[in-house]
Amino acid sequence: MTDLTERRKYRVLMIAACPFPANYGTSGCIKEMCEVMGDRGHEIHVLTYPYGDGSPVRSVTLHRVPHLGWSREIAVGPTLQRPLFDLLMVFKAIHLAWKYKCEIIHTHNYEGQLIGICAKVLTWRPLLYNAINTMADELLSYNAIKPVFIAKGLARFLDWFAPRISDHILTLTSDLKDILVSWGLPKDHITVVPAGVQLEMFSNADPLRFRKIWNLGSSRTVLYAGTIDQFQRVDILIDAFSRLGPECADVLLLIVFPFARRERKEELAAQAQKLGIADRVRFVDEHPLEDLPDCLALADVAVVPRPQCPGHPIKLLNYMAAGRPIVVSAGGAKGIRHLENGFIFPDHDAAGLAQGITTLLHDRELSARLGTAARQTILEEYDWRILAQKIEGIYAGMLAKKTPWYARGYKRQTAV
């Protein structure tokens, strides 16, 4: 590996239009990327919302917009105050790019990209878009924009417009790259760089800690750890759990999510009650990120029920890093190969999910083998230290290209 004193350092403005840091997939992924890039000697400036969960972020400089809203609740998806934060971020992004002589603007998700487009036009900096999902896949699931045809039209427009105003695009998966190419974007404009994992986080997990705290005794456990928004389809998991046979009567379902979602939790609890399994389903909310390794360590089976996921479920990477036996839907099975490092069931198929859970609960030899293989996959393909080198290569390629017409007269800085 190239020594830090020899390797090119970059000044980067990262735009994270979300609560940051926060214990859910997108925010957590951005945090780990920024930290590893900072660890490698790059000057990383993160522009974000005025609040997060308070956990430390190393090796980067955080810049927050003023809190002119009315809530500090961490939530996934649209809220009434997010447009205000996004507007404030446009002005601050322009200021930071000039003040710190940032060479590249690196944006995450759609709101971050729209902010980055404004900053690109007014500062002449090259723009790297980190595509995490598609709006057609996710926006309607929040049920936040009415009537529905407006939400659909907005999603289509964002999917068409946002990726095009960039100098390069990173996608988390080849599926997402294929979607962008089908929309007319050139293949050589897009590079697949999956989300990574900091493996050290899972090295000393304690499987007994939460067994004692949650009074689980010796019960076997099926675990889901992530947000419980509609698009995650936790309802499919509850349906599948109700289909387990009498030989699984001792099994508990743990649904662990990072922040309170009272209405959605009540909906899922009502479903469990209707199916007659309420006494075997436990909801655990508002757990901090540092608890995650110990939570995963107690799981006999970990589940990703979300179907049709063009991005990469970050919870899946966490399960793999923890070495857990995994049952995952076909649409979410990024990096998973059936019966090699996980069990894949058809999308939307509760019976297939139940079969996967039952198989791994009964065949402990298979479960152990799949868990070990899943962690090995992380070591070989999803280590942030390896992925960071790919991102550095993208930065180098973007800065090496001929200066576009709108940037003529701007002299790029070539050294930190």
Protein backbone atom coordinates (compact mmCIF):
# COMPACT_ATOMS: atom_id res chain seq x y z
CA MET A 1 0.00 0.00 0.00
CA THR A 2 1.27 3.49 -0.85
CA ASP A 3 2.64 5.39 2.11
CA LEU A 4 0.61 8.36 3.32
CA THR A 5 3.53 10.71 2.70
CA GLU A 6 3.60 9.70 -0.98
CA ARG A 7 -0.09 9.36 -1.72
CA ARG A 8 -1.99 12.33 -3.16
CA LYS A 9 -4.17 14.09 -0.60
CA TYR A 10 -7.47 15.70 -1.59
CA ARG A 11 -9.62 18.46 -0.14
CA VAL A 12 -13.21 17.25 -0.34
CA LEU A 13 -16.55 18.80 0.55
CA MET A 14 -18.89 15.96 1.53
CA ILE A 15 -22.56 16.92 1.46
CA ALA A 16 -24.73 14.79 3.76
CA ALA A 17 -28.30 16.15 3.69
CA CYS A 18 -29.51 14.15 6.67
CA PRO A 19 -29.19 13.99 10.45
CA PHE A 20 -25.50 13.22 10.94
CA PRO A 21 -24.17 11.10 12.44
CA ALA A 22 -27.16 8.88 13.05
CA ASN A 23 -27.70 5.19 13.61
CA TYR A 24 -29.30 4.15 10.34
CA GLY A 25 -28.02 2.94 6.99
CA THR A 26 -27.38 6.05 4.85
CA SER A 27 -26.00 8.25 7.60
CA GLY A 28 -23.88 5.43 9.01
CA CYS A 29 -22.45 4.63 5.58
CA ILE A 30 -21.50 8.27 4.97
CA LYS A 31 -19.88 8.49 8.40
CA GLU A 32 -17.69 5.45 7.86
CA MET A 33 -16.65 6.60 4.37
CA CYS A 34 -15.71 10.06 5.66
CA GLU A 35 -13.78 8.65 8.60
CA VAL A 36 -11.69 6.24 6.55
CA MET A 37 -10.93 8.95 3.97
CA GLY A 38 -9.88 11.27 6.79
CA ASP A 39 -7.76 8.50 8.32
CA ARG A 40 -5.96 8.22 4.99
CA GLY A 41 -4.84 11.84 5.18
CA HIS A 42 -7.47 13.62 3.08
CA GLU A 43 -8.99 16.90 4.25
CA ILE A 44 -12.68 16.04 4.56
CA HIS A 45 -15.25 18.76 5.26
CA VAL A 46 -18.72 17.34 5.99
CA LEU A 47 -21.66 19.70 5.52
CA THR A 48 -24.80 18.42 7.18
CA TYR A 49 -27.96 19.13 9.17
CA PRO A 50 -27.82 20.95 12.52
CA TYR A 51 -28.20 17.79 14.57
CA GLY A 52 -27.36 14.09 14.82
CA ASP A 53 -27.24 11.46 17.52
CA GLY A 54 -24.19 12.96 19.23
CA SER A 55 -21.80 10.10 18.53
CA PRO A 56 -18.21 11.14 17.72
CA VAL A 57 -16.90 11.42 14.17
CA ARG A 58 -13.15 11.15 13.78
CA SER A 59 -10.70 12.58 11.24
CA VAL A 60 -13.12 15.03 9.57
CA THR A 61 -14.33 18.61 10.07
CA LEU A 62 -18.07 18.95 10.62
CA HIS A 63 -20.00 21.99 9.40
CA ARG A 64 -23.65 22.35 10.35
CA VAL A 65 -26.31 24.77 9.16
CA PRO A 66 -28.20 26.76 11.83
CA HIS A 67 -31.12 25.04 13.49
CA LEU A 68 -34.05 27.18 12.35
CA GLY A 69 -36.53 24.30 12.52
CA TRP A 70 -38.68 23.05 15.39
CA SER A 71 -37.60 19.44 15.88
CA ARG A 72 -34.42 17.48 16.45
CA GLU A 73 -36.09 14.11 15.90
CA ILE A 74 -33.99 11.77 13.79
CA ALA A 75 -36.19 10.42 11.01
CA VAL A 76 -35.77 8.74 7.63
CA GLY A 77 -37.55 10.34 4.69
CA PRO A 78 -39.27 13.69 4.07
CA THR A 79 -40.15 16.09 6.89
CA LEU A 80 -41.53 19.64 6.81
CA GLN A 81 -38.29 21.24 7.98
CA ARG A 82 -35.86 19.40 5.69
CA PRO A 83 -36.38 21.81 2.73
CA LEU A 84 -35.32 24.68 5.01
CA PHE A 85 -32.14 22.88 6.02
CA ASP A 86 -31.43 22.01 2.39
CA LEU A 87 -31.76 25.65 1.33
CA LEU A 88 -29.37 26.75 4.07
CA MET A 89 -26.94 24.06 2.96
CA VAL A 90 -26.82 25.46 -0.59
CA PHE A 91 -25.40 28.78 0.64
CA LYS A 92 -23.05 27.15 3.11
CA ALA A 93 -21.75 24.65 0.53
CA ILE A 94 -20.75 27.50 -1.77
CA HIS A 95 -19.04 29.31 1.12
CA LEU A 96 -17.15 26.21 2.29
CA ALA A 97 -15.99 25.23 -1.20
CA TRP A 98 -14.36 28.65 -1.68
CA LYS A 99 -13.09 29.08 1.89
CA TYR A 100 -11.31 25.72 2.14
CA LYS A 101 -10.35 25.50 -1.55
CA CYS A 102 -12.13 22.17 -1.84
CA GLU A 103 -11.16 20.37 -5.04
CA ILE A 104 -14.17 18.04 -5.27
CA ILE A 105 -17.79 18.16 -4.11
CA HIS A 106 -18.91 14.66 -3.12
CA THR A 107 -22.67 14.35 -2.57
CA HIS A 108 -24.83 11.63 -1.05
CA ASN A 109 -28.41 10.82 -1.96
CA TYR A 110 -30.85 13.05 -3.85
CA GLU A 111 -31.09 16.05 -1.54
CA GLY A 112 -27.33 16.17 -1.22
CA GLN A 113 -27.00 15.98 -5.00
CA LEU A 114 -29.41 18.87 -5.60
CA ILE A 115 -27.41 20.97 -3.12
CA GLY A 116 -24.20 19.86 -4.83
CA ILE A 117 -25.51 20.85 -8.28
CA CYS A 118 -26.07 24.42 -7.05
CA ALA A 119 -22.59 24.52 -5.53
CA LYS A 120 -21.02 23.06 -8.68
CA VAL A 121 -22.54 25.72 -10.94
CA LEU A 122 -21.43 28.58 -8.68
CA THR A 123 -17.97 27.33 -7.65
CA TRP A 124 -16.86 25.38 -10.78
CA ARG A 125 -15.81 22.39 -8.68
CA PRO A 126 -16.22 18.90 -10.15
CA LEU A 127 -19.17 17.01 -8.69
CA LEU A 128 -19.16 13.33 -7.63
CA TYR A 129 -22.61 11.89 -6.96
CA ASN A 130 -22.86 8.91 -4.60
CA ALA A 131 -26.09 7.23 -5.74
CA ILE A 132 -27.68 5.21 -2.96
CA ASN A 133 -31.16 4.49 -4.31
CA THR A 134 -33.80 5.62 -6.78
CA MET A 135 -36.69 7.88 -5.90
CA ALA A 136 -39.12 5.63 -7.78
CA ASP A 137 -38.08 2.86 -5.37
CA GLU A 138 -38.40 4.83 -2.15
CA LEU A 139 -40.32 8.13 -2.26
CA LEU A 140 -43.84 6.65 -2.51
CA SER A 141 -43.21 4.37 0.47
CA TYR A 142 -43.01 7.36 2.83
CA ASN A 143 -46.60 8.35 1.96
CA ALA A 144 -45.60 11.97 2.59
CA ILE A 145 -46.58 13.69 -0.68
CA LYS A 146 -50.20 13.81 -1.80
CA PRO A 147 -51.81 13.24 -4.20
CA VAL A 148 -49.86 10.18 -5.30
CA PHE A 149 -49.48 11.28 -8.93
CA ILE A 150 -47.44 14.30 -7.75
CA ALA A 151 -45.11 12.02 -5.78
CA LYS A 152 -44.71 9.77 -8.80
CA GLY A 153 -43.99 12.72 -11.09
CA LEU A 154 -41.45 14.18 -8.66
CA ALA A 155 -39.74 10.81 -8.30
CA ARG A 156 -39.46 10.41 -12.08
CA PHE A 157 -38.08 13.93 -12.48
CA LEU A 158 -35.46 13.47 -9.74
CA ASP A 159 -34.41 10.11 -11.16
CA TRP A 160 -33.95 11.72 -14.59
CA PHE A 161 -32.35 15.02 -13.53
CA ALA A 162 -30.15 14.49 -10.46
CA PRO A 163 -27.63 11.95 -11.83
CA ARG A 164 -27.05 13.86 -15.07
CA ILE A 165 -25.54 17.01 -13.55
CA SER A 166 -22.41 15.33 -12.24
CA ASP A 167 -18.87 14.70 -13.42
CA HIS A 168 -18.97 11.11 -12.21
CA ILE A 169 -21.33 8.79 -10.33
CA LEU A 170 -20.65 6.13 -7.72
CA THR A 171 -23.33 3.48 -7.21
CA LEU A 172 -23.53 1.02 -4.36
CA THR A 173 -24.48 -1.90 -6.61
CA SER A 174 -24.28 -3.07 -10.21
CA ASP A 175 -28.11 -3.21 -10.21
CA LEU A 176 -28.26 0.52 -9.59
CA LYS A 177 -25.63 1.15 -12.27
CA ASP A 178 -27.72 -0.86 -14.76
CA ILE A 179 -30.77 1.25 -13.92
CA LEU A 180 -28.86 4.48 -14.55
CA VAL A 181 -27.46 3.14 -17.82
CA SER A 182 -30.99 2.20 -18.91
CA TRP A 183 -31.92 5.86 -18.34
CA GLY A 184 -29.32 6.92 -20.88
CA LEU A 185 -26.27 7.63 -18.72
CA PRO A 186 -22.96 6.38 -20.18
CA LYS A 187 -21.37 3.35 -18.57
CA ASP A 188 -17.96 5.01 -18.31
CA HIS A 189 -19.58 7.80 -16.28
CA ILE A 190 -20.49 5.34 -13.50
CA THR A 191 -18.36 3.27 -11.12
CA VAL A 192 -19.66 0.67 -8.67
CA VAL A 193 -18.21 1.16 -5.18
CA PRO A 194 -20.23 -0.72 -2.57
CA ALA A 195 -20.71 0.42 0.99
CA GLY A 196 -18.10 -0.92 3.36
CA VAL A 197 -17.78 -2.06 6.95
CA GLN A 198 -15.33 -1.25 9.73
CA LEU A 199 -14.72 -4.81 10.87
CA GLU A 200 -13.03 -3.80 14.11
CA MET A 201 -16.44 -2.77 15.43
CA PHE A 202 -17.59 -6.42 15.53
CA SER A 203 -14.43 -8.02 16.91
CA ASN A 204 -15.32 -8.22 20.62
CA ALA A 205 -19.10 -8.56 20.64
CA ASP A 206 -20.76 -10.03 23.74
CA PRO A 207 -23.67 -12.39 22.89
CA LEU A 208 -24.74 -12.64 26.55
CA ARG A 209 -25.08 -8.94 27.37
CA PHE A 210 -28.54 -8.37 25.89
CA ARG A 211 -29.75 -11.87 26.68
CA LYS A 212 -29.49 -10.80 30.30
CA ILE A 213 -30.82 -7.25 29.85
CA TRP A 214 -33.81 -8.37 27.75
CA ASN A 215 -34.40 -11.52 29.81
CA LEU A 216 -34.23 -13.83 26.80
CA GLY A 217 -33.00 -16.86 28.70
CA SER A 218 -31.97 -19.69 26.39
CA SER A 219 -34.58 -18.90 23.71
CA ARG A 220 -33.44 -19.04 20.12
CA THR A 221 -33.72 -15.69 18.37
CA VAL A 222 -34.56 -14.38 14.91
CA LEU A 223 -33.40 -10.78 14.59
CA TYR A 224 -34.12 -7.79 12.39
CA ALA A 225 -31.97 -4.71 13.08
CA GLY A 226 -32.76 -1.53 11.14
CA THR A 227 -35.40 1.08 10.50
CA ILE A 228 -39.01 -0.10 10.36
CA ASP A 229 -40.33 2.20 7.62
CA GLN A 230 -42.91 0.73 5.26
CA PHE A 231 -40.42 0.02 2.45
CA GLN A 232 -38.41 -2.27 4.74
CA ARG A 233 -41.36 -4.71 4.77
CA VAL A 234 -41.00 -5.88 8.34
CA ASP A 235 -44.64 -6.93 7.99
CA ILE A 236 -43.48 -9.75 5.68
CA LEU A 237 -41.10 -10.90 8.41
CA ILE A 238 -43.88 -10.96 11.03
CA ASP A 239 -46.11 -12.90 8.63
CA ALA A 240 -43.28 -15.39 8.01
CA PHE A 241 -42.59 -15.77 11.73
CA SER A 242 -46.23 -16.70 12.33
CA ARG A 243 -45.78 -19.58 9.85
CA LEU A 244 -43.00 -21.31 11.78
CA GLY A 245 -43.99 -24.78 12.94
CA PRO A 246 -44.51 -26.01 16.54
CA GLU A 247 -40.88 -27.14 16.65
CA CYS A 248 -40.01 -23.39 16.75
CA ALA A 249 -42.29 -22.57 19.69
CA ASP A 250 -39.31 -21.44 21.77
CA VAL A 251 -38.06 -18.97 19.14
CA LEU A 252 -38.37 -15.21 19.71
CA LEU A 253 -38.46 -12.50 17.05
CA LEU A 254 -36.46 -9.39 17.97
CA ILE A 255 -37.15 -6.22 15.98
CA VAL A 256 -34.41 -3.76 16.93
CA PHE A 257 -34.60 -0.26 15.47
CA PRO A 258 -32.46 2.82 16.10
CA PHE A 259 -35.05 5.50 16.87
CA ALA A 260 -38.67 5.70 17.98
CA ARG A 261 -41.39 5.22 15.34
CA ARG A 262 -44.49 4.93 17.54
CA GLU A 263 -47.18 4.69 14.84
CA ARG A 264 -45.30 2.16 12.73
CA LYS A 265 -44.40 0.12 15.82
CA GLU A 266 -48.08 0.03 16.82
CA GLU A 267 -49.05 -1.18 13.33
CA LEU A 268 -46.55 -4.03 13.47
CA ALA A 269 -47.51 -4.92 17.04
CA ALA A 270 -51.17 -5.08 15.99
CA GLN A 271 -50.23 -7.42 13.14
CA ALA A 272 -48.38 -9.71 15.55
CA GLN A 273 -51.38 -9.66 17.90
CA LYS A 274 -53.76 -10.57 15.07
CA LEU A 275 -51.52 -13.48 14.04
CA GLY A 276 -51.36 -14.79 17.60
CA ILE A 277 -47.62 -14.33 18.11
CA ALA A 278 -47.52 -11.10 20.14
CA ASP A 279 -45.96 -12.88 23.13
CA ARG A 280 -43.03 -14.01 20.96
CA VAL A 281 -42.28 -10.68 19.24
CA ARG A 282 -40.11 -8.12 21.05
CA PHE A 283 -39.66 -4.51 19.87
CA VAL A 284 -36.50 -2.71 20.99
CA ASP A 285 -36.17 0.92 19.96
CA GLU A 286 -33.74 3.81 20.35
CA HIS A 287 -30.60 1.71 20.68
CA PRO A 288 -27.26 3.46 19.97
CA LEU A 289 -24.87 2.26 17.27
CA GLU A 290 -22.33 0.99 19.79
CA ASP A 291 -24.92 -1.57 20.97
CA LEU A 292 -25.30 -3.10 17.51
CA PRO A 293 -22.47 -5.69 17.67
CA ASP A 294 -23.78 -7.13 20.93
CA CYS A 295 -27.35 -7.17 19.54
CA LEU A 296 -26.27 -9.08 16.44
CA ALA A 297 -24.09 -11.49 18.40
CA LEU A 298 -27.12 -13.03 20.13
CA ALA A 299 -29.02 -13.73 16.87
CA ASP A 300 -29.43 -17.32 15.72
CA VAL A 301 -30.74 -15.99 12.40
CA ALA A 302 -30.64 -12.43 11.01
CA VAL A 303 -33.17 -11.34 8.38
CA VAL A 304 -33.44 -8.75 5.59
CA PRO A 305 -37.06 -8.86 4.32
CA ARG A 306 -36.88 -5.79 2.04
CA PRO A 307 -37.58 -6.66 -1.62
CA GLN A 308 -36.64 -4.73 -4.77
CA CYS A 309 -33.66 -2.87 -3.37
CA PRO A 310 -31.41 -1.36 -6.08
CA GLY A 311 -29.06 -0.04 -3.40
CA HIS A 312 -27.23 -2.03 -0.73
CA PRO A 313 -29.00 -2.70 2.60
CA ILE A 314 -26.43 -1.54 5.15
CA LYS A 315 -27.97 -3.83 7.76
CA LEU A 316 -26.98 -6.76 5.54
CA LEU A 317 -23.33 -5.70 5.65
CA ASN A 318 -23.54 -5.47 9.44
CA TYR A 319 -25.04 -8.97 9.66
CA MET A 320 -22.24 -10.29 7.44
CA ALA A 321 -19.51 -8.55 9.44
CA ALA A 322 -20.96 -10.06 12.61
CA GLY A 323 -20.79 -13.52 11.05
CA ARG A 324 -24.51 -14.20 11.44
CA PRO A 325 -26.51 -16.77 9.41
CA ILE A 326 -28.62 -14.60 7.10
CA VAL A 327 -31.96 -15.01 5.35
CA VAL A 328 -32.40 -12.27 2.72
CA SER A 329 -34.84 -11.46 -0.06
CA ALA A 330 -33.67 -11.86 -3.65
CA GLY A 331 -33.96 -8.12 -4.27
CA GLY A 332 -31.81 -7.27 -1.26
CA ALA A 333 -29.23 -10.03 -1.61
CA LYS A 334 -26.24 -7.87 -2.59
CA GLY A 335 -23.06 -9.89 -2.18
CA ILE A 336 -25.04 -12.95 -1.02
CA ARG A 337 -24.98 -16.27 -2.89
CA HIS A 338 -27.64 -18.83 -2.00
CA LEU A 339 -26.38 -21.50 0.43
CA GLU A 340 -22.80 -20.21 0.01
CA ASN A 341 -22.88 -17.26 2.41
CA GLY A 342 -26.61 -16.86 3.06
CA PHE A 343 -30.12 -18.12 2.34
CA ILE A 344 -32.05 -16.24 -0.37
CA PHE A 345 -35.87 -16.33 -0.57
CA PRO A 346 -38.12 -14.87 -3.33
CA ASP A 347 -39.25 -11.26 -2.93
CA HIS A 348 -42.57 -10.77 -1.09
CA ASP A 349 -42.70 -14.50 -0.23
CA ALA A 350 -43.50 -14.95 3.46
CA ALA A 351 -43.62 -18.74 3.07
CA GLY A 352 -40.16 -18.73 1.49
CA LEU A 353 -38.82 -16.53 4.30
CA ALA A 354 -40.31 -18.91 6.88
CA GLN A 355 -38.62 -21.83 5.15
CA GLY A 356 -35.26 -20.05 5.25
CA ILE A 357 -35.58 -19.25 8.95
CA THR A 358 -36.64 -22.82 9.77
CA THR A 359 -33.76 -24.30 7.76
CA LEU A 360 -31.10 -22.23 9.51
CA LEU A 361 -32.59 -22.74 12.97
CA HIS A 362 -32.52 -26.52 12.55
CA ASP A 363 -29.29 -27.01 10.60
CA ARG A 364 -26.67 -25.52 12.91
CA GLU A 365 -23.78 -26.81 10.82
CA LEU A 366 -25.14 -25.01 7.76
CA SER A 367 -25.79 -21.87 9.81
CA ALA A 368 -22.23 -21.79 11.12
CA ARG A 369 -20.79 -22.30 7.64
CA LEU A 370 -22.92 -19.55 6.10
CA GLY A 371 -22.06 -17.12 8.91
CA THR A 372 -18.33 -17.73 8.53
CA ALA A 373 -18.55 -17.37 4.75
CA ALA A 374 -20.51 -14.11 5.09
CA ARG A 375 -17.79 -12.56 7.26
CA GLN A 376 -15.12 -13.76 4.85
CA THR A 377 -17.00 -12.00 2.03
CA ILE A 378 -16.77 -8.76 3.99
CA LEU A 379 -13.02 -9.23 4.44
CA GLU A 380 -12.49 -9.77 0.73
CA GLU A 381 -14.97 -7.34 -0.84
CA TYR A 382 -16.30 -4.75 1.62
CA ASP A 383 -13.38 -3.54 3.73
CA TRP A 384 -13.47 0.29 3.76
CA ARG A 385 -9.67 0.50 3.51
CA ILE A 386 -9.81 -1.22 0.11
CA LEU A 387 -12.85 0.70 -1.08
CA ALA A 388 -11.23 4.02 -0.13
CA GLN A 389 -8.49 3.38 -2.68
CA LYS A 390 -11.15 3.08 -5.40
CA ILE A 391 -12.65 6.40 -4.36
CA GLU A 392 -9.21 8.02 -4.48
CA GLY A 393 -8.83 6.71 -8.02
CA ILE A 394 -12.14 8.34 -8.99
CA TYR A 395 -11.00 11.65 -7.49
CA ALA A 396 -7.75 11.47 -9.46
CA GLY A 397 -9.58 10.71 -12.70
CA MET A 398 -12.03 13.58 -12.22
CA LEU A 399 -9.27 16.12 -11.57
CA ALA A 400 -7.19 14.85 -14.49
CA LYS A 401 -9.93 15.53 -17.02
CA LYS A 402 -9.86 18.60 -19.18
CA THR A 403 -11.36 21.62 -17.44
CA PRO A 404 -14.95 22.17 -18.67
CA TRP A 405 -16.02 25.46 -20.20
CA TYR A 406 -17.67 26.78 -17.05
CA ALA A 407 -14.50 26.25 -15.02
CA ARG A 408 -12.03 27.99 -17.31
CA GLY A 409 -9.98 30.47 -15.38
CA TYR A 410 -10.24 28.44 -12.14
CA LYS A 411 -6.81 27.17 -11.12
CA ARG A 412 -7.12 23.92 -9.23
CA GLN A 413 -4.96 23.38 -6.18
CA THR A 414 -2.70 20.36 -6.66
CA ALA A 415 -1.36 19.86 -3.17
CA VAL A 416 -2.57 20.07 0.38
